[in-house]
């Protein structure tokens, strides 16, 4: 589980879901550089680890939404604090995409 949480994409998923539940495409678009395959694999293991929940709405095509479980919020809290601490110390950048962070990151 530690490997899943501390993996490059695992961290970004937990941070991206910290304030909102997101559909797959919203989550994909919020994490620059992640492929759909890597995001799917990361979400699968985070759901298995009970850090993230997954809801599928039976529409065509299916609408899949992800959010943090209570355990995921607990685990994500120190990661969010660490992320915020680090990003506050970074010099301003014009485009967050250059360093692979979430779109809404400074």
Protein backbone atom coordinates (compact mmCIF):
# COMPACT_ATOMS: atom_id res chain seq x y z
CA UNK A 1 0.00 0.00 0.00
CA UNK A 2 2.87 2.39 0.80
CA UNK A 3 4.22 1.88 -2.72
CA UNK A 4 0.81 2.72 -4.19
CA UNK A 5 0.37 5.90 -2.14
CA UNK A 6 3.90 7.15 -2.72
CA UNK A 7 4.06 6.33 -6.41
CA UNK A 8 4.27 9.31 -8.74
CA UNK A 9 0.69 8.99 -9.96
CA UNK A 10 -0.74 7.79 -6.63
CA UNK A 11 0.31 11.02 -4.95
CA UNK A 12 -1.21 13.13 -7.74
CA UNK A 13 -4.50 11.22 -7.63
CA UNK A 14 -4.84 11.68 -3.86
CA UNK A 15 -3.97 15.37 -4.12
CA UNK A 16 -6.32 15.93 -7.08
CA UNK A 17 -9.24 14.32 -5.22
CA UNK A 18 -8.64 16.24 -1.99
CA UNK A 19 -11.38 18.79 -2.57
CA UNK A 20 -13.76 17.26 -5.14
CA UNK A 21 -15.00 13.95 -6.46
CA UNK A 22 -14.02 13.75 -10.13
CA UNK A 23 -15.05 11.78 -13.17
CA UNK A 24 -12.29 9.86 -14.93
CA UNK A 25 -11.74 12.43 -17.68
CA UNK A 26 -11.69 15.31 -15.16
CA UNK A 27 -9.10 13.49 -13.11
CA UNK A 28 -7.06 12.71 -16.23
CA UNK A 29 -7.18 16.35 -17.31
CA UNK A 30 -6.17 17.59 -13.84
CA UNK A 31 -2.95 15.54 -13.79
CA UNK A 32 -0.57 16.59 -16.54
CA UNK A 33 1.50 13.84 -18.10
CA UNK A 34 -0.52 10.85 -16.92
CA UNK A 35 -1.69 8.46 -19.62
CA UNK A 36 -5.14 6.92 -19.44
CA UNK A 37 -3.52 3.52 -18.95
CA UNK A 38 -1.39 4.68 -15.99
CA UNK A 39 -4.32 6.53 -14.45
CA UNK A 40 -6.53 3.44 -14.76
CA UNK A 41 -3.87 1.22 -13.18
CA UNK A 42 -3.27 3.71 -10.37
CA UNK A 43 -6.97 4.10 -9.65
CA UNK A 44 -7.45 0.33 -9.65
CA UNK A 45 -4.85 -0.22 -6.91
CA UNK A 46 -6.01 2.79 -4.87
CA UNK A 47 -9.58 1.43 -4.96
CA UNK A 48 -8.30 -2.03 -3.92
CA UNK A 49 -6.40 -0.39 -1.04
CA UNK A 50 -9.63 1.38 0.08
CA UNK A 51 -8.11 4.83 -0.42
CA UNK A 52 -10.39 5.78 -3.32
CA UNK A 53 -13.99 4.81 -4.05
CA UNK A 54 -15.40 4.28 -7.54
CA UNK A 55 -19.01 4.78 -8.66
CA UNK A 56 -20.24 3.69 -12.08
CA UNK A 57 -23.48 5.12 -13.41
CA UNK A 58 -25.18 2.80 -15.92
CA UNK A 59 -25.32 5.19 -18.84
CA UNK A 60 -23.99 4.90 -22.37
CA UNK A 61 -21.07 5.37 -22.14
CA UNK A 62 -20.76 4.61 -18.41
CA UNK A 63 -19.99 7.60 -16.20
CA UNK A 64 -17.32 6.72 -13.65
CA UNK A 65 -16.70 8.99 -10.67
CA UNK A 66 -13.88 8.72 -8.11
CA UNK A 67 -13.49 10.19 -4.64
CA UNK A 68 -11.48 9.71 -1.48
CA UNK A 69 -12.65 7.32 1.21
CA UNK A 70 -12.31 8.40 4.85
CA UNK A 71 -9.06 6.41 4.96
CA UNK A 72 -7.90 8.08 1.73
CA UNK A 73 -8.53 11.51 3.24
CA UNK A 74 -6.52 10.54 6.33
CA UNK A 75 -3.62 9.27 4.25
CA UNK A 76 -3.83 12.19 1.82
CA UNK A 77 -3.80 14.87 4.50
CA UNK A 78 -0.04 14.73 5.22
CA UNK A 79 0.67 14.42 1.49
CA UNK A 80 -1.40 17.52 0.84
CA UNK A 81 0.40 19.37 3.61
CA UNK A 82 3.79 18.33 2.18
CA UNK A 83 2.70 19.29 -1.36
CA UNK A 84 1.47 22.70 -0.20
CA UNK A 85 4.66 23.31 1.79
CA UNK A 86 6.87 22.49 -1.19
CA UNK A 87 4.85 24.43 -3.76
CA UNK A 88 4.82 27.54 -1.55
CA UNK A 89 8.63 27.53 -1.71
CA UNK A 90 8.85 27.12 -5.49
CA UNK A 91 9.48 30.18 -7.62
CA UNK A 92 6.39 31.20 -9.63
CA UNK A 93 6.03 29.40 -12.96
CA UNK A 94 3.95 30.42 -15.89
CA UNK A 95 2.84 26.89 -16.73
CA UNK A 96 2.35 24.15 -14.11
CA UNK A 97 2.37 21.58 -16.91
CA UNK A 98 6.14 21.94 -17.23
CA UNK A 99 6.68 20.15 -13.91
CA UNK A 100 3.89 17.59 -14.15
CA UNK A 101 1.63 18.89 -11.40
CA UNK A 102 -2.13 19.21 -11.27
CA UNK A 103 -3.52 21.93 -13.49
CA UNK A 104 -4.65 24.04 -10.53
CA UNK A 105 -1.23 23.90 -8.84
CA UNK A 106 0.75 27.14 -8.51
